[in-house]
Amino acid sequence: MDRLEQKRKQVDVAVSSLNTRHADDIGGGRLTVRTCMTPAPNCIVADSTVLDIVQLYHVKRFRHLLVTDARRKVLGVVSDRDVLPFFGAGVVPDEVRLSRITAAEIMSADVITIAANAPLSDAIELILNNGINCLPVEHEGRLVGILTSTDLYVVLQSLLSNVENPAEAALV
């Protein structure tokens, strides 16, 4: 099962639980960041090179990498947009050059994070108000997940499916 299909199943369970008697066990009858985030995201260290990052993007096929220390404290975020200038028009990728530039040099260090137990609506507000596409999720100061715009699209798809096809949604 691919990553997107796993995410759909995770979100469908969270959404379908909103109207069940077990809702209090899952999120207090509301969607929380924890119920929709991607747990245990792939991370890199600050001295990872742009070449390392590009290789990870190709293998893992995602758009954001979190930069953490040994204790899983978030130091920064590197997005595909941070790497794109190394591959622009007229630029020939040079592996030697890419292996000399570190994540610490290109990452966004002013990272906005959110608590795992926060309402999903708070996360959406942060994403919209700050023009960002991902939120590292923390619990007690340690990284536990990531919430991305793709995760929110899956939530929207699940909610719309429940509204448009309530009989089918009850079977999940």
C-alpha atoms as a PDB file:
ATOM      1  CA  MET A   1       0.000   0.000   0.000  1.00  0.00           C
ATOM      2  CA  ASP A   2       1.452   3.362  -0.980  1.00  0.00           C
ATOM      3  CA  ARG A   3       1.826   6.381   1.293  1.00  0.00           C
ATOM      4  CA  LEU A   4      -1.251   8.192  -0.040  1.00  0.00           C
ATOM      5  CA  GLU A   5      -3.488   5.156   0.411  1.00  0.00           C
ATOM      6  CA  GLN A   6      -2.246   4.750   3.996  1.00  0.00           C
ATOM      7  CA  LYS A   7      -3.002   8.417   4.637  1.00  0.00           C
ATOM      8  CA  ARG A   8      -6.520   8.026   3.216  1.00  0.00           C
ATOM      9  CA  LYS A   9      -7.238   5.092   5.524  1.00  0.00           C
ATOM     10  CA  GLN A  10      -5.883   6.969   8.543  1.00  0.00           C
ATOM     11  CA  VAL A  11      -7.985  10.049   7.811  1.00  0.00           C
ATOM     12  CA  ASP A  12     -11.110   8.048   6.943  1.00  0.00           C
ATOM     13  CA  VAL A  13     -10.948   6.389  10.370  1.00  0.00           C
ATOM     14  CA  ALA A  14     -10.572   9.773  12.079  1.00  0.00           C
ATOM     15  CA  VAL A  15     -13.397  11.364  10.090  1.00  0.00           C
ATOM     16  CA  SER A  16     -15.783   8.440  10.465  1.00  0.00           C
ATOM     17  CA  SER A  17     -15.138   8.389  14.222  1.00  0.00           C
ATOM     18  CA  LEU A  18     -16.426  11.942  14.596  1.00  0.00           C
ATOM     19  CA  ASN A  19     -20.002  10.680  14.766  1.00  0.00           C
ATOM     20  CA  THR A  20     -19.481   7.474  16.730  1.00  0.00           C
ATOM     21  CA  ARG A  21     -19.646   6.722  20.397  1.00  0.00           C
ATOM     22  CA  HIS A  22     -15.867   6.174  20.390  1.00  0.00           C
ATOM     23  CA  ALA A  23     -15.149   9.746  19.307  1.00  0.00           C
ATOM     24  CA  ASP A  24     -13.914  10.713  22.768  1.00  0.00           C
ATOM     25  CA  ASP A  25     -11.254   7.994  22.594  1.00  0.00           C
ATOM     26  CA  ILE A  26      -9.866   9.259  19.295  1.00  0.00           C
ATOM     27  CA  GLY A  27      -9.932  13.031  19.491  1.00  0.00           C
ATOM     28  CA  GLY A  28     -12.714  14.264  21.701  1.00  0.00           C
ATOM     29  CA  GLY A  29     -15.199  14.305  18.827  1.00  0.00           C
ATOM     30  CA  ARG A  30     -12.991  16.611  16.742  1.00  0.00           C
ATOM     31  CA  LEU A  31     -10.183  16.256  14.277  1.00  0.00           C
ATOM     32  CA  THR A  32      -6.803  16.864  15.850  1.00  0.00           C
ATOM     33  CA  VAL A  33      -3.418  17.299  14.284  1.00  0.00           C
ATOM     34  CA  ARG A  34      -2.396  13.856  15.598  1.00  0.00           C
ATOM     35  CA  THR A  35      -5.273  12.115  13.795  1.00  0.00           C
ATOM     36  CA  CYS A  36      -4.306  13.604  10.424  1.00  0.00           C
ATOM     37  CA  MET A  37      -0.520  14.078  10.533  1.00  0.00           C
ATOM     38  CA  THR A  38       2.109  11.832   9.033  1.00  0.00           C
ATOM     39  CA  PRO A  39       3.872  10.271  12.009  1.00  0.00           C
ATOM     40  CA  ALA A  40       7.638   9.769  12.248  1.00  0.00           C
ATOM     41  CA  PRO A  41       8.646  11.841   9.209  1.00  0.00           C
ATOM     42  CA  ASN A  42      11.976  11.411   7.479  1.00  0.00           C
ATOM     43  CA  CYS A  43      14.500  13.889   8.850  1.00  0.00           C
ATOM     44  CA  ILE A  44      17.983  15.065   8.048  1.00  0.00           C
ATOM     45  CA  VAL A  45      20.744  16.665  10.082  1.00  0.00           C
ATOM     46  CA  ALA A  46      21.999  20.198   9.520  1.00  0.00           C
ATOM     47  CA  ASP A  47      25.178  19.057   7.788  1.00  0.00           C
ATOM     48  CA  SER A  48      23.334  16.943   5.203  1.00  0.00           C
ATOM     49  CA  THR A  49      24.270  18.156   1.744  1.00  0.00           C
ATOM     50  CA  VAL A  50      22.033  19.390  -1.034  1.00  0.00           C
ATOM     51  CA  LEU A  51      23.135  16.317  -2.974  1.00  0.00           C
ATOM     52  CA  ASP A  52      21.872  14.118  -0.096  1.00  0.00           C
ATOM     53  CA  ILE A  53      18.601  16.052  -0.068  1.00  0.00           C
ATOM     54  CA  VAL A  54      18.052  15.725  -3.813  1.00  0.00           C
ATOM     55  CA  GLN A  55      18.691  11.999  -3.630  1.00  0.00           C
ATOM     56  CA  LEU A  56      16.164  11.658  -0.795  1.00  0.00           C
ATOM     57  CA  TYR A  57      13.563  13.621  -2.753  1.00  0.00           C
ATOM     58  CA  HIS A  58      13.968  11.230  -5.679  1.00  0.00           C
ATOM     59  CA  VAL A  59      13.759   8.095  -3.545  1.00  0.00           C
ATOM     60  CA  LYS A  60      11.024   9.145  -1.096  1.00  0.00           C
ATOM     61  CA  ARG A  61       9.020  11.436  -3.396  1.00  0.00           C
ATOM     62  CA  PHE A  62       8.062  14.079  -0.885  1.00  0.00           C
ATOM     63  CA  ARG A  63       8.472  17.842  -0.817  1.00  0.00           C
ATOM     64  CA  HIS A  64       9.588  18.711   2.718  1.00  0.00           C
ATOM     65  CA  LEU A  65      12.435  17.518   4.876  1.00  0.00           C
ATOM     66  CA  LEU A  66      12.709  18.456   8.517  1.00  0.00           C
ATOM     67  CA  VAL A  67      16.136  19.251   9.887  1.00  0.00           C
ATOM     68  CA  THR A  68      16.520  17.972  13.443  1.00  0.00           C
ATOM     69  CA  ASP A  69      19.167  17.449  16.064  1.00  0.00           C
ATOM     70  CA  ALA A  70      19.920  14.127  17.774  1.00  0.00           C
ATOM     71  CA  ARG A  71      17.050  14.664  20.237  1.00  0.00           C
ATOM     72  CA  ARG A  72      14.485  15.204  17.432  1.00  0.00           C
ATOM     73  CA  LYS A  73      14.272  18.935  18.117  1.00  0.00           C
ATOM     74  CA  VAL A  74      13.275  20.763  14.945  1.00  0.00           C
ATOM     75  CA  LEU A  75      15.967  23.124  13.657  1.00  0.00           C
ATOM     76  CA  GLY A  76      14.559  23.928  10.231  1.00  0.00           C
ATOM     77  CA  VAL A  77      12.689  22.875   7.114  1.00  0.00           C
ATOM     78  CA  VAL A  78      14.058  22.292   3.623  1.00  0.00           C
ATOM     79  CA  SER A  79      11.446  22.243   0.881  1.00  0.00           C
ATOM     80  CA  ASP A  80      11.797  21.330  -2.749  1.00  0.00           C
ATOM     81  CA  ARG A  81      11.595  25.073  -3.452  1.00  0.00           C
ATOM     82  CA  ASP A  82      14.788  25.629  -1.461  1.00  0.00           C
ATOM     83  CA  VAL A  83      16.615  23.180  -3.726  1.00  0.00           C
ATOM     84  CA  LEU A  84      15.074  24.310  -7.010  1.00  0.00           C
ATOM     85  CA  PRO A  85      17.471  27.251  -7.590  1.00  0.00           C
ATOM     86  CA  PHE A  86      20.310  24.744  -7.982  1.00  0.00           C
ATOM     87  CA  PHE A  87      18.506  23.348 -11.039  1.00  0.00           C
ATOM     88  CA  GLY A  88      17.172  26.508 -12.715  1.00  0.00           C
ATOM     89  CA  ALA A  89      17.356  27.567 -16.330  1.00  0.00           C
ATOM     90  CA  GLY A  90      20.912  27.550 -17.592  1.00  0.00           C
ATOM     91  CA  VAL A  91      22.197  25.869 -14.439  1.00  0.00           C
ATOM     92  CA  VAL A  92      23.965  22.560 -14.889  1.00  0.00           C
ATOM     93  CA  PRO A  93      23.783  20.538 -11.663  1.00  0.00           C
ATOM     94  CA  ASP A  94      27.284  20.039 -10.346  1.00  0.00           C
ATOM     95  CA  GLU A  95      27.516  17.144  -7.871  1.00  0.00           C
ATOM     96  CA  VAL A  96      30.696  18.535  -6.332  1.00  0.00           C
ATOM     97  CA  ARG A  97      29.037  21.889  -5.698  1.00  0.00           C
ATOM     98  CA  LEU A  98      25.863  20.232  -4.372  1.00  0.00           C
ATOM     99  CA  SER A  99      27.938  18.135  -1.972  1.00  0.00           C
ATOM    100  CA  ARG A 100      29.487  21.284  -0.455  1.00  0.00           C
ATOM    101  CA  ILE A 101      26.244  23.099   0.406  1.00  0.00           C
ATOM    102  CA  THR A 102      24.527  21.993   3.604  1.00  0.00           C
ATOM    103  CA  ALA A 103      20.945  21.908   4.770  1.00  0.00           C
ATOM    104  CA  ALA A 104      21.830  24.498   7.418  1.00  0.00           C
ATOM    105  CA  GLU A 105      22.700  26.938   4.620  1.00  0.00           C
ATOM    106  CA  ILE A 106      19.416  26.620   2.723  1.00  0.00           C
ATOM    107  CA  MET A 107      16.827  25.655   5.358  1.00  0.00           C
ATOM    108  CA  SER A 108      14.146  27.913   6.744  1.00  0.00           C
ATOM    109  CA  ALA A 109      15.090  28.246  10.392  1.00  0.00           C
ATOM    110  CA  ASP A 110      12.091  30.284  11.520  1.00  0.00           C
ATOM    111  CA  VAL A 111       9.957  27.162  11.790  1.00  0.00           C
ATOM    112  CA  ILE A 112       6.375  27.299  12.986  1.00  0.00           C
ATOM    113  CA  THR A 113       5.351  24.130  14.818  1.00  0.00           C
ATOM    114  CA  ILE A 114       2.143  22.837  16.328  1.00  0.00           C
ATOM    115  CA  ALA A 115       1.255  20.494  19.169  1.00  0.00           C
ATOM    116  CA  ALA A 116       0.002  17.028  18.281  1.00  0.00           C
ATOM    117  CA  ASN A 117      -3.172  17.454  20.338  1.00  0.00           C
ATOM    118  CA  ALA A 118      -4.107  20.815  18.770  1.00  0.00           C
ATOM    119  CA  PRO A 119      -7.360  21.055  16.828  1.00  0.00           C
ATOM    120  CA  LEU A 120      -6.869  20.601  13.098  1.00  0.00           C
ATOM    121  CA  SER A 121      -8.555  23.966  12.554  1.00  0.00           C
ATOM    122  CA  ASP A 122      -5.682  25.657  14.442  1.00  0.00           C
ATOM    123  CA  ALA A 123      -3.171  24.009  12.113  1.00  0.00           C
ATOM    124  CA  ILE A 124      -5.085  25.140   9.047  1.00  0.00           C
ATOM    125  CA  GLU A 125      -5.170  28.689  10.386  1.00  0.00           C
ATOM    126  CA  LEU A 126      -1.388  28.649  10.918  1.00  0.00           C
ATOM    127  CA  ILE A 127      -0.776  27.292   7.422  1.00  0.00           C
ATOM    128  CA  LEU A 128      -3.041  29.846   5.768  1.00  0.00           C
ATOM    129  CA  ASN A 129      -1.937  32.867   7.808  1.00  0.00           C
ATOM    130  CA  ASN A 130       1.763  32.128   7.304  1.00  0.00           C
ATOM    131  CA  GLY A 131       1.712  30.986   3.672  1.00  0.00           C
ATOM    132  CA  ILE A 132       3.407  27.678   4.458  1.00  0.00           C
ATOM    133  CA  ASN A 133       2.812  24.127   3.252  1.00  0.00           C
ATOM    134  CA  CYS A 134       3.917  22.068   6.213  1.00  0.00           C
ATOM    135  CA  LEU A 135       3.889  22.128   9.987  1.00  0.00           C
ATOM    136  CA  PRO A 136       6.239  20.049  12.075  1.00  0.00           C
ATOM    137  CA  VAL A 137       4.230  18.450  14.881  1.00  0.00           C
ATOM    138  CA  GLU A 138       5.724  18.328  18.351  1.00  0.00           C
ATOM    139  CA  HIS A 139       4.941  16.676  21.642  1.00  0.00           C
ATOM    140  CA  GLU A 140       6.889  17.891  24.671  1.00  0.00           C
ATOM    141  CA  GLY A 141       9.417  19.658  22.435  1.00  0.00           C
ATOM    142  CA  ARG A 142      10.183  16.613  20.287  1.00  0.00           C
ATOM    143  CA  LEU A 143       9.195  16.006  16.701  1.00  0.00           C
ATOM    144  CA  VAL A 144       6.452  13.377  16.354  1.00  0.00           C
ATOM    145  CA  GLY A 145       5.055  14.116  12.910  1.00  0.00           C
ATOM    146  CA  ILE A 146       4.456  16.483  10.051  1.00  0.00           C
ATOM    147  CA  LEU A 147       1.222  17.938   8.715  1.00  0.00           C
ATOM    148  CA  THR A 148       1.364  18.985   5.066  1.00  0.00           C
ATOM    149  CA  SER A 149      -1.009  20.568   2.601  1.00  0.00           C
ATOM    150  CA  THR A 150      -1.346  17.129   1.006  1.00  0.00           C
ATOM    151  CA  ASP A 151      -2.550  15.738   4.345  1.00  0.00           C
ATOM    152  CA  LEU A 152      -5.159  18.500   4.446  1.00  0.00           C
ATOM    153  CA  TYR A 153      -6.314  17.675   0.910  1.00  0.00           C
ATOM    154  CA  VAL A 154      -6.855  14.078   2.028  1.00  0.00           C
ATOM    155  CA  VAL A 155      -8.886  15.331   5.018  1.00  0.00           C
ATOM    156  CA  LEU A 156     -10.965  17.515   2.719  1.00  0.00           C
ATOM    157  CA  GLN A 157     -11.526  14.615   0.332  1.00  0.00           C
ATOM    158  CA  SER A 158     -12.661  12.378   3.193  1.00  0.00           C
ATOM    159  CA  LEU A 159     -14.980  15.019   4.662  1.00  0.00           C
ATOM    160  CA  LEU A 160     -16.538  15.716   1.267  1.00  0.00           C
ATOM    161  CA  SER A 161     -16.995  12.023   0.642  1.00  0.00           C
ATOM    162  CA  ASN A 162     -18.780  11.694   4.000  1.00  0.00           C
ATOM    163  CA  VAL A 163     -21.050  14.618   3.171  1.00  0.00           C
ATOM    164  CA  GLU A 164     -21.764  13.595  -0.419  1.00  0.00           C
ATOM    165  CA  ASN A 165     -22.101   9.855   0.256  1.00  0.00           C
ATOM    166  CA  PRO A 166     -23.142   9.393   3.900  1.00  0.00           C
ATOM    167  CA  ALA A 167     -24.365   5.801   3.358  1.00  0.00           C
ATOM    168  CA  GLU A 168     -21.002   4.711   1.907  1.00  0.00           C
ATOM    169  CA  ALA A 169     -19.091   6.567   4.628  1.00  0.00           C
ATOM    170  CA  ALA A 170     -20.963   4.606   7.308  1.00  0.00           C
ATOM    171  CA  LEU A 171     -19.463   1.384   5.921  1.00  0.00           C
ATOM    172  CA  VAL A 172     -15.853   2.488   6.552  1.00  0.00           C
END
